[in-house]
Every structure is written in C-alpha cells, then in structure tokens.
Amino acid sequence: MVFAAGLLLCGCSNDSKSGKAGNKFHVYIAFGQSNMQGPGTIRAKDKTGIDYSRWQTLNVVPGIYAGESRAKSQWYKAAPPLITPDVNLPHWDGQTFTTGLGPSDYFGRTIVENTPENIKVGIIAVANGDLALASFHKTRAAVYFDNTTTGKETSSNSSNGYRPSNTERDGWIRYRNAGYESLYDAVISNAKIAQEEGGVIKGIIFHQGESGRGLTYTAWHEMLKEIYDDMLADLGIEPDSIPILLGQLWNEGTGPGGFLNTNNTLIKNVIPNAWVISSAGCTEGRTGSGQPDNLHFGSADLETFGKRYGKKMLELNY
C-alpha cells in the first residue's frame, strides 16, 4: 500500500511497481557524506531524457524536493535532488550548501540506459554533510553522537573539539526527526520496504572519507566491514554477495589513513566484493563556490563519477 501510494503521488503507472515476477525490480542503497548528499547544481538535462517509470527513489526524509512534496518511505521519480530537501544549509567550511546533484543520479541513469526495458531500478539514499563513518554504524552511532569525547577523533568544527561536528549533529537530528532511530535504521527500514514490495537489493554505492572514521576503536576499513556485514545480515542477504562501490575523494584524494587508493588491498582483504571507483580527472569543484574547494565535486564531474559507478555495477551485476 505504501508503494502504491507513492506511485500515485508521483504520477507513475502501476507497472512501475516492483515486478515480482522474475525479480525485475533492482534496488540499490546509497550512503555517505556531502558528496553523496549532492553538492552539484541541478542542470536542465539532469531532469530530462530518462524513463522515470524505470528509475525511482524510495524517499527517506519527507519534505519539498525542488518544488515537489515527497512523503516518507514512498516511491517517486528519481529526479534530483534525491537526498534531503534542504536549501542553504550552513556547512562547516563557511559556505552554504544546497542539496542538488549527486553521484546517485547518473549511477541510476547509467543502469537504466544499459539494461532491458523490463528491469526497473530503485535507489534508497541516506547522506549528510561531514558525516564520519561511525555515523552509519548499527550499534555504535548512538555512542558516537552522545556528549562524551571518549574514543572520538578530534574536530575543529564542534563545540568541544571532538567529533561529531555541528554539521554531523544537524544530520543526525534531521533523520531522527523523520522518525528513524539512526542513519543506519533509515537505510535498513526503507530497504525492507523495498524488499516487501518484491525489490531485490543488488548493490551499494558509497562515498565517505573526508571526515574519517570518527571513533578510534578500529581502523576505517574494519569499521566499514562491520557496517556492510550488518546491512547484509539485517536484510537477509548472503555475506559478501552484493557489491559495494567506494568512490575516491575529490581528484583521486584519500581520506585520513590513506584509504581509497585505487589499489586498496586493505579493503579488498576484508570485503572481497568491494570496488574502488576512481575520481581521476574530477577537479572541477562545485558550482557557486568561486574556486574549487578540493572537497566537493561539481555537476559535470558528478555526472562523470556517477557514470563510473554505474559502469562498474553493470559489469558486476549484468
């Protein structure tokens, strides 16, 4: 019923429901921090030229998205912005942040354009600016967002000098106010809705790293493995059976600890089905910042980057 209501709201026909026969509704999870949330300016071409009966988003946070009212946990055409409805968010770097184009957009378009017409593609996307990896942990995120500093990495963008930053807390509160126990719960509860409607979770795309791990109890790649393993277990998916694609930081950058090199053996050693997506040549910087900030991708590079995610997922899944 939830799915059907979403289809009515977005004006999609009933055949865009998750074709249960033959498992032809393929669903992907996207999560991360600001580059996944969508720092790019939305261009006219980013909302045209795609069959929206085949490319849909299960909306996570209710609100107004580029003039369209989207309810929680209902399906809509996957037109940007896909993640959070906010405009002119204060960001830790002193600039305002308007949710716009992200890598999920051209990831999904690439999948749709290169698969048979009877396959529908859905996205479940959860992200916020400046989130450390611990923000997405199933059992440790609540500890990460408490008021203590024990076991937490430092931050110049918080009131006490330790993570989580003020921007992270804003994101945590945003998802909690939407009725989720945590960011992890926002992912899992919506993924289960998709599964109940016959959707098959086919893979995960991920972009995080600028803010590191947040908690110091283990290494970044080991924490990512814990999150990945918990997600698959809670969704009834066999261990290591679906790909997780990890995007490099801006212009082939690596985060604290040097993770996300293109030949990152640390990640492959713990998650055999993890694949690093290169950001080589993505140096444009986000539109409106005046100068590239060496952190956020601009629209053209987000298009390129999203297509790279899509091509790799096509190679692995189709």
C-alpha atoms as a PDB file:
ATOM      1  CA  MET A   1       0.000   0.000   0.000  1.00  0.00           C
ATOM      2  CA  VAL A   2       2.836   2.383   0.811  1.00  0.00           C
ATOM      3  CA  PHE A   3       4.418   1.684  -2.553  1.00  0.00           C
ATOM      4  CA  ALA A   4       1.149   2.158  -4.418  1.00  0.00           C
ATOM      5  CA  ALA A   5       0.520   5.481  -2.675  1.00  0.00           C
ATOM      6  CA  GLY A   6       3.930   6.687  -3.697  1.00  0.00           C
ATOM      7  CA  LEU A   7       3.263   5.798  -7.308  1.00  0.00           C
ATOM      8  CA  LEU A   8       0.026   7.745  -7.282  1.00  0.00           C
ATOM      9  CA  LEU A   9       1.771  10.787  -5.825  1.00  0.00           C
ATOM     10  CA  CYS A  10       4.493  10.769  -8.448  1.00  0.00           C
ATOM     11  CA  GLY A  11       2.087  10.106 -11.305  1.00  0.00           C
ATOM     12  CA  CYS A  12       3.689   6.798 -12.249  1.00  0.00           C
ATOM     13  CA  SER A  13       1.663   3.916 -13.629  1.00  0.00           C
ATOM     14  CA  ASN A  14       1.113   0.723 -11.667  1.00  0.00           C
ATOM     15  CA  ASP A  15       3.528  -1.199 -13.885  1.00  0.00           C
ATOM     16  CA  SER A  16       6.380   0.671 -12.182  1.00  0.00           C
ATOM     17  CA  LYS A  17       5.680  -1.379  -9.086  1.00  0.00           C
ATOM     18  CA  SER A  18       8.397  -3.866  -8.295  1.00  0.00           C
ATOM     19  CA  GLY A  19       7.766  -6.516 -10.967  1.00  0.00           C
ATOM     20  CA  LYS A  20       7.728  -9.505  -8.644  1.00  0.00           C
ATOM     21  CA  ALA A  21       7.700 -11.986 -11.487  1.00  0.00           C
ATOM     22  CA  GLY A  22      11.301 -12.646 -12.371  1.00  0.00           C
ATOM     23  CA  ASN A  23      12.698 -10.210  -9.796  1.00  0.00           C
ATOM     24  CA  LYS A  24      12.910  -7.379 -12.305  1.00  0.00           C
ATOM     25  CA  PHE A  25      12.925  -4.579  -9.742  1.00  0.00           C
ATOM     26  CA  HIS A  26      16.552  -3.937  -8.825  1.00  0.00           C
ATOM     27  CA  VAL A  27      17.184  -1.738  -5.792  1.00  0.00           C
ATOM     28  CA  TYR A  28      20.429  -0.052  -4.747  1.00  0.00           C
ATOM     29  CA  ILE A  29      21.481   1.553  -1.486  1.00  0.00           C
ATOM     30  CA  ALA A  30      23.491   4.787  -1.496  1.00  0.00           C
ATOM     31  CA  PHE A  31      25.018   6.325   1.613  1.00  0.00           C
ATOM     32  CA  GLY A  32      27.766   8.693   2.669  1.00  0.00           C
ATOM     33  CA  GLN A  33      28.502  12.327   3.389  1.00  0.00           C
ATOM     34  CA  SER A  34      28.192  15.603   1.456  1.00  0.00           C
ATOM     35  CA  ASN A  35      29.389  14.422  -1.948  1.00  0.00           C
ATOM     36  CA  MET A  36      26.820  11.630  -1.846  1.00  0.00           C
ATOM     37  CA  GLN A  37      24.181  14.015  -0.495  1.00  0.00           C
ATOM     38  CA  GLY A  38      24.540  16.083  -3.644  1.00  0.00           C
ATOM     39  CA  PRO A  39      26.642  19.264  -3.862  1.00  0.00           C
ATOM     40  CA  GLY A  40      26.149  19.827  -7.604  1.00  0.00           C
ATOM     41  CA  THR A  41      23.915  22.423  -9.215  1.00  0.00           C
ATOM     42  CA  ILE A  42      20.958  20.716 -10.929  1.00  0.00           C
ATOM     43  CA  ARG A  43      21.067  21.420 -14.665  1.00  0.00           C
ATOM     44  CA  ALA A  44      18.116  21.169 -17.052  1.00  0.00           C
ATOM     45  CA  LYS A  45      19.486  17.985 -18.623  1.00  0.00           C
ATOM     46  CA  ASP A  46      19.686  16.277 -15.222  1.00  0.00           C
ATOM     47  CA  LYS A  47      15.878  16.033 -15.056  1.00  0.00           C
ATOM     48  CA  THR A  48      15.128  15.004 -18.644  1.00  0.00           C
ATOM     49  CA  GLY A  49      15.921  12.195 -21.055  1.00  0.00           C
ATOM     50  CA  ILE A  50      15.222   9.328 -18.644  1.00  0.00           C
ATOM     51  CA  ASP A  51      12.275   6.936 -18.294  1.00  0.00           C
ATOM     52  CA  TYR A  52      11.094   7.667 -14.766  1.00  0.00           C
ATOM     53  CA  SER A  53       8.813   4.636 -14.759  1.00  0.00           C
ATOM     54  CA  ARG A  54      12.096   2.677 -14.640  1.00  0.00           C
ATOM     55  CA  TRP A  55      14.176   4.964 -12.389  1.00  0.00           C
ATOM     56  CA  GLN A  56      12.645   5.714  -8.992  1.00  0.00           C
ATOM     57  CA  THR A  57      13.642   6.711  -5.489  1.00  0.00           C
ATOM     58  CA  LEU A  58      12.199   5.461  -2.215  1.00  0.00           C
ATOM     59  CA  ASN A  59      12.145   8.795  -0.422  1.00  0.00           C
ATOM     60  CA  VAL A  60      13.704   8.725   3.049  1.00  0.00           C
ATOM     61  CA  VAL A  61      13.233  12.217   4.542  1.00  0.00           C
ATOM     62  CA  PRO A  62       9.882  13.940   3.946  1.00  0.00           C
ATOM     63  CA  GLY A  63       9.886  17.461   2.567  1.00  0.00           C
ATOM     64  CA  ILE A  64       9.929  19.623  -0.548  1.00  0.00           C
ATOM     65  CA  TYR A  65      12.393  18.490  -3.203  1.00  0.00           C
ATOM     66  CA  ALA A  66      12.837  21.100  -5.941  1.00  0.00           C
ATOM     67  CA  GLY A  67       9.198  22.086  -5.625  1.00  0.00           C
ATOM     68  CA  GLU A  68       7.838  18.539  -5.254  1.00  0.00           C
ATOM     69  CA  SER A  69       6.383  17.373  -1.956  1.00  0.00           C
ATOM     70  CA  ARG A  70       7.704  13.902  -1.122  1.00  0.00           C
ATOM     71  CA  ALA A  71       6.454  11.810   1.782  1.00  0.00           C
ATOM     72  CA  LYS A  72       8.497   9.393   3.842  1.00  0.00           C
ATOM     73  CA  SER A  73       9.031   5.858   2.533  1.00  0.00           C
ATOM     74  CA  GLN A  74       7.123   6.308  -0.717  1.00  0.00           C
ATOM     75  CA  TRP A  75       8.298   5.956  -4.302  1.00  0.00           C
ATOM     76  CA  TYR A  76       8.830   8.883  -6.663  1.00  0.00           C
ATOM     77  CA  LYS A  77      10.544   9.505  -9.942  1.00  0.00           C
ATOM     78  CA  ALA A  78      14.250   9.731  -9.192  1.00  0.00           C
ATOM     79  CA  ALA A  79      14.718  13.347 -10.237  1.00  0.00           C
ATOM     80  CA  PRO A  80      17.349  15.312  -8.330  1.00  0.00           C
ATOM     81  CA  PRO A  81      17.673  16.160  -5.550  1.00  0.00           C
ATOM     82  CA  LEU A  82      17.408  12.633  -4.146  1.00  0.00           C
ATOM     83  CA  ILE A  83      18.754  13.121  -0.612  1.00  0.00           C
ATOM     84  CA  THR A  84      17.218  15.540   1.929  1.00  0.00           C
ATOM     85  CA  PRO A  85      15.098  18.518   0.913  1.00  0.00           C
ATOM     86  CA  ASP A  86      17.237  21.240   2.467  1.00  0.00           C
ATOM     87  CA  VAL A  87      18.270  24.528   0.877  1.00  0.00           C
ATOM     88  CA  ASN A  88      21.041  26.889   2.046  1.00  0.00           C
ATOM     89  CA  LEU A  89      22.350  24.626   4.785  1.00  0.00           C
ATOM     90  CA  PRO A  90      25.230  26.097   6.767  1.00  0.00           C
ATOM     91  CA  HIS A  91      28.280  23.921   6.136  1.00  0.00           C
ATOM     92  CA  TRP A  92      31.421  23.580   8.224  1.00  0.00           C
ATOM     93  CA  ASP A  93      33.581  25.286   5.559  1.00  0.00           C
ATOM     94  CA  GLY A  94      31.641  28.550   5.950  1.00  0.00           C
ATOM     95  CA  GLN A  95      29.689  28.170   2.720  1.00  0.00           C
ATOM     96  CA  THR A  96      26.023  27.414   2.303  1.00  0.00           C
ATOM     97  CA  PHE A  97      25.027  24.030   0.955  1.00  0.00           C
ATOM     98  CA  THR A  98      22.038  23.408  -1.277  1.00  0.00           C
ATOM     99  CA  THR A  99      21.157  19.774  -1.882  1.00  0.00           C
ATOM    100  CA  GLY A 100      21.381  19.040  -5.595  1.00  0.00           C
ATOM    101  CA  LEU A 101      23.039  16.638  -7.996  1.00  0.00           C
ATOM    102  CA  GLY A 102      24.965  13.676  -6.604  1.00  0.00           C
ATOM    103  CA  PRO A 103      26.628  10.548  -7.988  1.00  0.00           C
ATOM    104  CA  SER A 104      23.448   8.521  -7.423  1.00  0.00           C
ATOM    105  CA  ASP A 105      21.720  10.396 -10.234  1.00  0.00           C
ATOM    106  CA  TYR A 106      23.929   9.321 -13.120  1.00  0.00           C
ATOM    107  CA  PHE A 107      24.622   5.972 -11.493  1.00  0.00           C
ATOM    108  CA  GLY A 108      20.939   5.132 -11.853  1.00  0.00           C
ATOM    109  CA  ARG A 109      20.637   6.629 -15.318  1.00  0.00           C
ATOM    110  CA  THR A 110      23.572   4.528 -16.499  1.00  0.00           C
ATOM    111  CA  ILE A 111      21.993   1.333 -15.147  1.00  0.00           C
ATOM    112  CA  VAL A 112      18.622   2.126 -16.745  1.00  0.00           C
ATOM    113  CA  GLU A 113      20.106   3.049 -20.114  1.00  0.00           C
ATOM    114  CA  ASN A 114      22.073  -0.194 -20.334  1.00  0.00           C
ATOM    115  CA  THR A 115      19.580  -2.787 -19.118  1.00  0.00           C
ATOM    116  CA  PRO A 116      16.435  -4.271 -20.716  1.00  0.00           C
ATOM    117  CA  GLU A 117      13.238  -2.252 -20.561  1.00  0.00           C
ATOM    118  CA  ASN A 118      11.565  -4.779 -18.276  1.00  0.00           C
ATOM    119  CA  ILE A 119      14.069  -4.002 -15.484  1.00  0.00           C
ATOM    120  CA  LYS A 120      13.144  -1.192 -13.108  1.00  0.00           C
ATOM    121  CA  VAL A 121      15.764   0.429 -10.902  1.00  0.00           C
ATOM    122  CA  GLY A 122      15.254   1.958  -7.471  1.00  0.00           C
ATOM    123  CA  ILE A 123      17.523   3.879  -5.123  1.00  0.00           C
ATOM    124  CA  ILE A 124      17.437   4.264  -1.328  1.00  0.00           C
ATOM    125  CA  ALA A 125      19.760   7.116  -0.406  1.00  0.00           C
ATOM    126  CA  VAL A 126      20.904   8.375   3.002  1.00  0.00           C
ATOM    127  CA  ALA A 127      23.606  11.011   3.448  1.00  0.00           C
ATOM    128  CA  ASN A 128      24.524  14.271   5.134  1.00  0.00           C
ATOM    129  CA  GLY A 129      27.454  16.650   5.102  1.00  0.00           C
ATOM    130  CA  ASP A 130      30.587  15.910   7.164  1.00  0.00           C
ATOM    131  CA  LEU A 131      29.450  12.518   8.484  1.00  0.00           C
ATOM    132  CA  ALA A 132      32.231  10.345   9.820  1.00  0.00           C
ATOM    133  CA  LEU A 133      31.938   6.645   9.083  1.00  0.00           C
ATOM    134  CA  ALA A 134      30.825   5.865  12.645  1.00  0.00           C
ATOM    135  CA  SER A 135      27.611   7.805  11.952  1.00  0.00           C
ATOM    136  CA  PHE A 136      26.356   4.799   9.973  1.00  0.00           C
ATOM    137  CA  HIS A 137      27.317   2.087  12.455  1.00  0.00           C
ATOM    138  CA  LYS A 138      24.444  -0.097  13.629  1.00  0.00           C
ATOM    139  CA  THR A 139      25.367  -0.234  17.321  1.00  0.00           C
ATOM    140  CA  ARG A 140      27.996   2.464  17.828  1.00  0.00           C
ATOM    141  CA  ALA A 141      26.372   5.505  16.181  1.00  0.00           C
ATOM    142  CA  ALA A 142      24.387   6.336  19.320  1.00  0.00           C
ATOM    143  CA  VAL A 143      27.628   6.313  21.316  1.00  0.00           C
ATOM    144  CA  TYR A 144      29.264   8.444  18.646  1.00  0.00           C
ATOM    145  CA  PHE A 145      26.534  11.088  18.941  1.00  0.00           C
ATOM    146  CA  ASP A 146      26.451  11.198  22.734  1.00  0.00           C
ATOM    147  CA  ASN A 147      28.055  14.080  24.616  1.00  0.00           C
ATOM    148  CA  THR A 148      31.248  12.339  25.691  1.00  0.00           C
ATOM    149  CA  THR A 149      34.615  12.651  23.943  1.00  0.00           C
ATOM    150  CA  THR A 150      35.999   9.233  24.883  1.00  0.00           C
ATOM    151  CA  GLY A 151      37.288   7.287  21.884  1.00  0.00           C
ATOM    152  CA  LYS A 152      36.437  10.033  19.378  1.00  0.00           C
ATOM    153  CA  GLU A 153      38.600  11.751  16.796  1.00  0.00           C
ATOM    154  CA  THR A 154      39.220  15.469  17.030  1.00  0.00           C
ATOM    155  CA  SER A 155      37.353  18.102  15.051  1.00  0.00           C
ATOM    156  CA  SER A 156      37.788  21.857  14.707  1.00  0.00           C
ATOM    157  CA  ASN A 157      34.104  22.167  13.797  1.00  0.00           C
ATOM    158  CA  SER A 158      32.457  21.180  17.046  1.00  0.00           C
ATOM    159  CA  SER A 159      31.855  22.898  20.364  1.00  0.00           C
ATOM    160  CA  ASN A 160      34.223  20.665  22.328  1.00  0.00           C
ATOM    161  CA  GLY A 161      36.934  19.999  19.731  1.00  0.00           C
ATOM    162  CA  TYR A 162      35.886  16.401  19.125  1.00  0.00           C
ATOM    163  CA  ARG A 163      33.636  14.736  16.631  1.00  0.00           C
ATOM    164  CA  PRO A 164      30.794  14.681  15.868  1.00  0.00           C
ATOM    165  CA  SER A 165      30.821  18.146  14.318  1.00  0.00           C
ATOM    166  CA  ASN A 166      27.881  20.510  14.447  1.00  0.00           C
ATOM    167  CA  THR A 167      27.056  19.616  10.836  1.00  0.00           C
ATOM    168  CA  GLU A 168      27.022  15.922  11.701  1.00  0.00           C
ATOM    169  CA  ARG A 169      24.695  16.546  14.634  1.00  0.00           C
ATOM    170  CA  ASP A 170      22.343  18.506  12.380  1.00  0.00           C
ATOM    171  CA  GLY A 171      22.168  15.479  10.068  1.00  0.00           C
ATOM    172  CA  TRP A 172      21.629  13.042  12.934  1.00  0.00           C
ATOM    173  CA  ILE A 173      18.786  15.188  14.244  1.00  0.00           C
ATOM    174  CA  ARG A 174      17.275  15.507  10.758  1.00  0.00           C
ATOM    175  CA  TYR A 175      16.938  11.743  10.345  1.00  0.00           C
ATOM    176  CA  ARG A 176      15.791  11.252  13.941  1.00  0.00           C
ATOM    177  CA  ASN A 177      13.111  13.910  13.429  1.00  0.00           C
ATOM    178  CA  ALA A 178      11.970  11.932  10.389  1.00  0.00           C
ATOM    179  CA  GLY A 179      11.212   9.017  12.723  1.00  0.00           C
ATOM    180  CA  TYR A 180      14.326   6.875  12.394  1.00  0.00           C
ATOM    181  CA  GLU A 181      16.341   5.535  15.286  1.00  0.00           C
ATOM    182  CA  SER A 182      19.560   6.223  13.406  1.00  0.00           C
ATOM    183  CA  LEU A 183      21.046   6.754   9.961  1.00  0.00           C
ATOM    184  CA  TYR A 184      21.559   3.001   9.784  1.00  0.00           C
ATOM    185  CA  ASP A 185      17.866   2.483  10.575  1.00  0.00           C
ATOM    186  CA  ALA A 186      16.936   4.929   7.805  1.00  0.00           C
ATOM    187  CA  VAL A 187      18.746   2.673   5.337  1.00  0.00           C
ATOM    188  CA  ILE A 188      17.519  -0.665   6.647  1.00  0.00           C
ATOM    189  CA  SER A 189      13.873   0.195   7.307  1.00  0.00           C
ATOM    190  CA  ASN A 190      13.426   1.556   3.781  1.00  0.00           C
ATOM    191  CA  ALA A 191      15.367  -1.306   2.203  1.00  0.00           C
ATOM    192  CA  LYS A 192      12.994  -3.717   3.927  1.00  0.00           C
ATOM    193  CA  ILE A 193      10.019  -1.837   2.480  1.00  0.00           C
ATOM    194  CA  ALA A 194      11.534  -2.273  -0.972  1.00  0.00           C
ATOM    195  CA  GLN A 195      12.056  -5.989  -0.342  1.00  0.00           C
ATOM    196  CA  GLU A 196       8.472  -6.410   0.853  1.00  0.00           C
ATOM    197  CA  GLU A 197       7.342  -4.978  -2.472  1.00  0.00           C
ATOM    198  CA  GLY A 198       9.412  -7.539  -4.372  1.00  0.00           C
ATOM    199  CA  GLY A 199      12.529  -5.415  -4.891  1.00  0.00           C
ATOM    200  CA  VAL A 200      15.881  -7.156  -4.901  1.00  0.00           C
ATOM    201  CA  ILE A 201      18.807  -5.357  -3.250  1.00  0.00           C
ATOM    202  CA  LYS A 202      21.535  -5.644  -5.879  1.00  0.00           C
ATOM    203  CA  GLY A 203      24.337  -3.485  -4.512  1.00  0.00           C
ATOM    204  CA  ILE A 204      25.559  -0.490  -2.532  1.00  0.00           C
ATOM    205  CA  ILE A 205      27.256   2.714  -3.617  1.00  0.00           C
ATOM    206  CA  PHE A 206      29.155   4.709  -1.033  1.00  0.00           C
ATOM    207  CA  HIS A 207      31.067   7.969  -0.773  1.00  0.00           C
ATOM    208  CA  GLN A 208      32.667   8.994   2.504  1.00  0.00           C
ATOM    209  CA  GLY A 209      36.158   9.590   3.752  1.00  0.00           C
ATOM    210  CA  GLU A 210      36.892  13.258   4.157  1.00  0.00           C
ATOM    211  CA  SER A 211      35.779  13.005   7.800  1.00  0.00           C
ATOM    212  CA  GLY A 212      37.476   9.695   8.537  1.00  0.00           C
ATOM    213  CA  ARG A 213      36.136   7.087  10.939  1.00  0.00           C
ATOM    214  CA  GLY A 214      35.009   9.280  13.887  1.00  0.00           C
ATOM    215  CA  LEU A 215      35.590   6.589  16.517  1.00  0.00           C
ATOM    216  CA  THR A 216      39.060   5.242  17.228  1.00  0.00           C
ATOM    217  CA  TYR A 217      38.315   1.687  18.372  1.00  0.00           C
ATOM    218  CA  THR A 218      39.233   0.169  14.998  1.00  0.00           C
ATOM    219  CA  ALA A 219      40.561   1.050  11.547  1.00  0.00           C
ATOM    220  CA  TRP A 220      38.371   2.699   8.900  1.00  0.00           C
ATOM    221  CA  HIS A 221      38.258  -0.339   6.621  1.00  0.00           C
ATOM    222  CA  GLU A 222      37.368  -2.642   9.514  1.00  0.00           C
ATOM    223  CA  MET A 223      34.543  -0.320  10.561  1.00  0.00           C
ATOM    224  CA  LEU A 224      33.225  -0.281   7.007  1.00  0.00           C
ATOM    225  CA  LYS A 225      33.224  -4.085   7.014  1.00  0.00           C
ATOM    226  CA  GLU A 226      31.134  -4.084  10.201  1.00  0.00           C
ATOM    227  CA  ILE A 227      28.579  -1.749   8.601  1.00  0.00           C
ATOM    228  CA  TYR A 228      28.470  -3.727   5.359  1.00  0.00           C
ATOM    229  CA  ASP A 229      28.148  -7.073   7.168  1.00  0.00           C
ATOM    230  CA  ASP A 230      25.364  -5.767   9.427  1.00  0.00           C
ATOM    231  CA  MET A 231      23.424  -4.357   6.478  1.00  0.00           C
ATOM    232  CA  LEU A 232      23.514  -7.627   4.585  1.00  0.00           C
ATOM    233  CA  ALA A 233      22.620  -9.676   7.658  1.00  0.00           C
ATOM    234  CA  ASP A 234      19.674  -7.448   8.574  1.00  0.00           C
ATOM    235  CA  LEU A 235      18.363  -7.613   5.004  1.00  0.00           C
ATOM    236  CA  GLY A 236      18.715 -11.394   4.762  1.00  0.00           C
ATOM    237  CA  ILE A 237      21.394 -11.183   2.098  1.00  0.00           C
ATOM    238  CA  GLU A 238      24.234 -13.713   1.942  1.00  0.00           C
ATOM    239  CA  PRO A 239      27.568 -12.370   3.258  1.00  0.00           C
ATOM    240  CA  ASP A 240      29.777 -10.689   0.621  1.00  0.00           C
ATOM    241  CA  SER A 241      27.224 -11.493  -2.082  1.00  0.00           C
ATOM    242  CA  ILE A 242      26.464  -7.971  -3.326  1.00  0.00           C
ATOM    243  CA  PRO A 243      28.989  -5.353  -4.470  1.00  0.00           C
ATOM    244  CA  ILE A 244      29.778  -2.209  -2.545  1.00  0.00           C
ATOM    245  CA  LEU A 245      31.358   0.519  -4.689  1.00  0.00           C
ATOM    246  CA  LEU A 246      33.559   3.019  -2.863  1.00  0.00           C
ATOM    247  CA  GLY A 247      34.178   6.337  -4.577  1.00  0.00           C
ATOM    248  CA  GLN A 248      37.519   8.058  -4.197  1.00  0.00           C
ATOM    249  CA  LEU A 249      37.622  11.533  -2.754  1.00  0.00           C
ATOM    250  CA  TRP A 250      37.955  14.645  -4.924  1.00  0.00           C
ATOM    251  CA  ASN A 251      40.662  14.298  -7.632  1.00  0.00           C
ATOM    252  CA  GLU A 252      41.861  10.843  -6.529  1.00  0.00           C
ATOM    253  CA  GLY A 253      42.142  12.025  -2.944  1.00  0.00           C
ATOM    254  CA  THR A 254      42.389   9.685   0.013  1.00  0.00           C
ATOM    255  CA  GLY A 255      40.966  10.199   3.465  1.00  0.00           C
ATOM    256  CA  PRO A 256      42.617  10.036   6.861  1.00  0.00           C
ATOM    257  CA  GLY A 257      44.722   6.894   6.987  1.00  0.00           C
ATOM    258  CA  GLY A 258      45.228   6.797   3.215  1.00  0.00           C
ATOM    259  CA  PHE A 259      42.202   4.632   2.376  1.00  0.00           C
ATOM    260  CA  LEU A 260      40.525   4.621  -1.026  1.00  0.00           C
ATOM    261  CA  ASN A 261      43.581   4.307  -3.175  1.00  0.00           C
ATOM    262  CA  THR A 262      42.642   2.578  -6.423  1.00  0.00           C
ATOM    263  CA  ASN A 263      44.632  -0.486  -5.318  1.00  0.00           C
ATOM    264  CA  ASN A 264      43.350  -0.565  -1.753  1.00  0.00           C
ATOM    265  CA  THR A 265      44.234  -4.051  -0.578  1.00  0.00           C
ATOM    266  CA  LEU A 266      43.119  -3.293   2.991  1.00  0.00           C
ATOM    267  CA  ILE A 267      39.511  -3.009   1.848  1.00  0.00           C
ATOM    268  CA  LYS A 268      39.661  -5.986  -0.513  1.00  0.00           C
ATOM    269  CA  ASN A 269      41.132  -8.109   2.256  1.00  0.00           C
ATOM    270  CA  VAL A 270      38.096  -7.561   4.482  1.00  0.00           C
ATOM    271  CA  ILE A 271      35.347  -7.064   1.856  1.00  0.00           C
ATOM    272  CA  PRO A 272      36.155  -9.127  -1.245  1.00  0.00           C
ATOM    273  CA  ASN A 273      33.175  -7.623  -3.081  1.00  0.00           C
ATOM    274  CA  ALA A 274      34.322  -4.009  -2.515  1.00  0.00           C
ATOM    275  CA  TRP A 275      35.462  -1.995  -5.525  1.00  0.00           C
ATOM    276  CA  VAL A 276      37.103   1.439  -5.578  1.00  0.00           C
ATOM    277  CA  ILE A 277      35.757   3.894  -8.176  1.00  0.00           C
ATOM    278  CA  SER A 278      38.349   6.326  -9.466  1.00  0.00           C
ATOM    279  CA  SER A 279      37.805  10.076  -9.295  1.00  0.00           C
ATOM    280  CA  ALA A 280      40.764  10.766 -11.585  1.00  0.00           C
ATOM    281  CA  GLY A 281      40.307  13.999 -13.506  1.00  0.00           C
ATOM    282  CA  CYS A 282      37.389  15.160 -11.372  1.00  0.00           C
ATOM    283  CA  THR A 283      38.771  18.565 -10.464  1.00  0.00           C
ATOM    284  CA  GLU A 284      36.003  20.978 -11.435  1.00  0.00           C
ATOM    285  CA  GLY A 285      34.823  21.767  -7.909  1.00  0.00           C
ATOM    286  CA  ARG A 286      31.241  22.507  -7.017  1.00  0.00           C
ATOM    287  CA  THR A 287      29.480  25.320  -8.845  1.00  0.00           C
ATOM    288  CA  GLY A 288      28.970  28.509  -6.870  1.00  0.00           C
ATOM    289  CA  SER A 289      31.956  28.224  -4.563  1.00  0.00           C
ATOM    290  CA  GLY A 290      34.061  30.594  -6.646  1.00  0.00           C
ATOM    291  CA  GLN A 291      37.079  28.330  -6.506  1.00  0.00           C
ATOM    292  CA  PRO A 292      37.284  24.545  -6.301  1.00  0.00           C
ATOM    293  CA  ASP A 293      37.305  23.693  -2.596  1.00  0.00           C
ATOM    294  CA  ASN A 294      39.224  20.430  -3.109  1.00  0.00           C
ATOM    295  CA  LEU A 295      36.400  18.567  -1.412  1.00  0.00           C
ATOM    296  CA  HIS A 296      33.165  18.805  -3.375  1.00  0.00           C
ATOM    297  CA  PHE A 297      32.580  17.693  -6.938  1.00  0.00           C
ATOM    298  CA  GLY A 298      30.864  19.999  -9.420  1.00  0.00           C
ATOM    299  CA  SER A 299      27.964  18.940 -11.621  1.00  0.00           C
ATOM    300  CA  ALA A 300      29.963  17.810 -14.663  1.00  0.00           C
ATOM    301  CA  ASP A 301      32.291  15.732 -12.508  1.00  0.00           C
ATOM    302  CA  LEU A 302      29.392  14.241 -10.535  1.00  0.00           C
ATOM    303  CA  GLU A 303      27.929  13.128 -13.852  1.00  0.00           C
ATOM    304  CA  THR A 304      31.240  11.513 -14.831  1.00  0.00           C
ATOM    305  CA  PHE A 305      31.688   9.985 -11.398  1.00  0.00           C
ATOM    306  CA  GLY A 306      28.137   8.617 -11.293  1.00  0.00           C
ATOM    307  CA  LYS A 307      28.584   7.021 -14.703  1.00  0.00           C
ATOM    308  CA  ARG A 308      31.752   5.310 -13.441  1.00  0.00           C
ATOM    309  CA  TYR A 309      29.798   3.859 -10.529  1.00  0.00           C
ATOM    310  CA  GLY A 310      27.134   2.709 -12.976  1.00  0.00           C
ATOM    311  CA  LYS A 311      29.518   1.104 -15.447  1.00  0.00           C
ATOM    312  CA  LYS A 312      31.198  -0.862 -12.686  1.00  0.00           C
ATOM    313  CA  MET A 313      27.865  -2.059 -11.315  1.00  0.00           C
ATOM    314  CA  LEU A 314      26.795  -3.092 -14.808  1.00  0.00           C
ATOM    315  CA  GLU A 315      29.991  -5.094 -15.138  1.00  0.00           C
ATOM    316  CA  LEU A 316      29.391  -6.827 -11.807  1.00  0.00           C
ATOM    317  CA  ASN A 317      25.627  -7.408 -11.928  1.00  0.00           C
ATOM    318  CA  TYR A 318      24.531  -7.620 -15.552  1.00  0.00           C
END
